[in-house]
Amino acid sequence: MASKTHPKQAASDFGTITPTAGATKKEDWIGSQLKKVYDEALSETIPDDMLELLSSLDDPESEEETSDEEIAE
């Protein structure tokens, strides 16, 4: 976060970890932050090309085609 007076300098509290009101220890705070990041990652949508790749890996026909191509080489 840049300072308002010097946009290229970081604010004096940049990088300071301050626990939330419910956290009694920094471990509690770290745990809640990790849970927050994990929950955000779970809520993201999977791109269509990734879904296609995953489905092609699960498709037994694509495995047969791959093994046939490997044998031909």
C-alpha atoms as a PDB file:
ATOM      1  CA  MET A   1       0.000   0.000   0.000  1.00  0.00           C
ATOM      2  CA  ALA A   2       1.495   3.304  -1.033  1.00  0.00           C
ATOM      3  CA  SER A   3       1.597   6.339   1.187  1.00  0.00           C
ATOM      4  CA  LYS A   4      -0.626   9.263   0.186  1.00  0.00           C
ATOM      5  CA  THR A   5       2.240  11.750   0.403  1.00  0.00           C
ATOM      6  CA  HIS A   6       4.796   9.624  -1.470  1.00  0.00           C
ATOM      7  CA  PRO A   7       3.100   7.215  -3.888  1.00  0.00           C
ATOM      8  CA  LYS A   8       6.260   5.165  -4.476  1.00  0.00           C
ATOM      9  CA  GLN A   9       6.952   4.586  -0.763  1.00  0.00           C
ATOM     10  CA  ALA A  10       5.157   1.985   1.316  1.00  0.00           C
ATOM     11  CA  ALA A  11       3.059   3.090   4.268  1.00  0.00           C
ATOM     12  CA  SER A  12       4.713   2.849   7.678  1.00  0.00           C
ATOM     13  CA  ASP A  13       2.331   0.052   8.753  1.00  0.00           C
ATOM     14  CA  PHE A  14       2.807  -1.955   5.542  1.00  0.00           C
ATOM     15  CA  GLY A  15       3.313  -5.657   6.337  1.00  0.00           C
ATOM     16  CA  THR A  16       2.245  -5.291   9.963  1.00  0.00           C
ATOM     17  CA  ILE A  17       0.041  -8.122  11.150  1.00  0.00           C
ATOM     18  CA  THR A  18      -2.751  -7.045  13.443  1.00  0.00           C
ATOM     19  CA  PRO A  19      -5.075  -9.749  14.804  1.00  0.00           C
ATOM     20  CA  THR A  20      -8.810  -9.300  14.403  1.00  0.00           C
ATOM     21  CA  ALA A  21     -11.029  -8.720  17.422  1.00  0.00           C
ATOM     22  CA  GLY A  22     -11.953 -12.423  17.787  1.00  0.00           C
ATOM     23  CA  ALA A  23      -8.396 -13.752  17.648  1.00  0.00           C
ATOM     24  CA  THR A  24      -6.598 -14.136  20.953  1.00  0.00           C
ATOM     25  CA  LYS A  25      -3.302 -15.375  19.564  1.00  0.00           C
ATOM     26  CA  LYS A  26      -1.454 -14.835  16.334  1.00  0.00           C
ATOM     27  CA  GLU A  27      -1.930 -18.568  15.600  1.00  0.00           C
ATOM     28  CA  ASP A  28      -5.695 -18.018  15.731  1.00  0.00           C
ATOM     29  CA  TRP A  29      -5.354 -15.084  13.380  1.00  0.00           C
ATOM     30  CA  ILE A  30      -3.149 -17.039  10.968  1.00  0.00           C
ATOM     31  CA  GLY A  31      -5.617 -19.931  11.045  1.00  0.00           C
ATOM     32  CA  SER A  32      -8.546 -17.682  10.261  1.00  0.00           C
ATOM     33  CA  GLN A  33      -6.634 -16.023   7.413  1.00  0.00           C
ATOM     34  CA  LEU A  34      -5.699 -19.412   5.931  1.00  0.00           C
ATOM     35  CA  LYS A  35      -9.328 -20.526   6.163  1.00  0.00           C
ATOM     36  CA  LYS A  36     -10.407 -17.330   4.427  1.00  0.00           C
ATOM     37  CA  VAL A  37      -7.968 -17.894   1.536  1.00  0.00           C
ATOM     38  CA  TYR A  38      -8.986 -21.557   1.277  1.00  0.00           C
ATOM     39  CA  ASP A  39     -12.691 -20.670   1.198  1.00  0.00           C
ATOM     40  CA  GLU A  40     -12.070 -18.052  -1.493  1.00  0.00           C
ATOM     41  CA  ALA A  41     -10.169 -20.593  -3.606  1.00  0.00           C
ATOM     42  CA  LEU A  42     -13.009 -23.105  -3.273  1.00  0.00           C
ATOM     43  CA  SER A  43     -15.560 -20.555  -4.428  1.00  0.00           C
ATOM     44  CA  GLU A  44     -13.685 -19.757  -7.658  1.00  0.00           C
ATOM     45  CA  THR A  45     -15.058 -21.202 -10.867  1.00  0.00           C
ATOM     46  CA  ILE A  46     -13.027 -23.696 -12.862  1.00  0.00           C
ATOM     47  CA  PRO A  47     -12.187 -22.439 -16.387  1.00  0.00           C
ATOM     48  CA  ASP A  48     -13.802 -24.327 -19.279  1.00  0.00           C
ATOM     49  CA  ASP A  49     -10.470 -25.377 -20.789  1.00  0.00           C
ATOM     50  CA  MET A  50      -9.422 -26.910 -17.466  1.00  0.00           C
ATOM     51  CA  LEU A  51     -12.709 -28.826 -17.260  1.00  0.00           C
ATOM     52  CA  GLU A  52     -12.152 -30.128 -20.811  1.00  0.00           C
ATOM     53  CA  LEU A  53      -8.651 -31.255 -19.901  1.00  0.00           C
ATOM     54  CA  LEU A  54      -9.883 -33.037 -16.787  1.00  0.00           C
ATOM     55  CA  SER A  55     -12.691 -34.750 -18.685  1.00  0.00           C
ATOM     56  CA  SER A  56     -10.283 -35.901 -21.398  1.00  0.00           C
ATOM     57  CA  LEU A  57      -8.041 -37.407 -18.732  1.00  0.00           C
ATOM     58  CA  ASP A  58     -11.007 -39.293 -17.268  1.00  0.00           C
ATOM     59  CA  ASP A  59     -12.215 -40.536 -20.685  1.00  0.00           C
ATOM     60  CA  PRO A  60     -11.074 -44.161 -21.258  1.00  0.00           C
ATOM     61  CA  GLU A  61     -11.265 -43.718 -25.063  1.00  0.00           C
ATOM     62  CA  SER A  62      -8.625 -41.005 -24.967  1.00  0.00           C
ATOM     63  CA  GLU A  63      -6.321 -43.380 -23.054  1.00  0.00           C
ATOM     64  CA  GLU A  64      -6.708 -46.008 -25.797  1.00  0.00           C
ATOM     65  CA  GLU A  65      -5.971 -43.438 -28.503  1.00  0.00           C
ATOM     66  CA  THR A  66      -2.872 -42.264 -26.656  1.00  0.00           C
ATOM     67  CA  SER A  67      -1.559 -45.806 -26.207  1.00  0.00           C
ATOM     68  CA  ASP A  68      -2.208 -46.552 -29.912  1.00  0.00           C
ATOM     69  CA  GLU A  69      -0.275 -43.430 -30.902  1.00  0.00           C
ATOM     70  CA  GLU A  70       2.608 -44.405 -28.616  1.00  0.00           C
ATOM     71  CA  ILE A  71       2.752 -47.896 -30.152  1.00  0.00           C
ATOM     72  CA  ALA A  72       2.833 -46.428 -33.690  1.00  0.00           C
ATOM     73  CA  GLU A  73       5.922 -44.376 -32.835  1.00  0.00           C
END
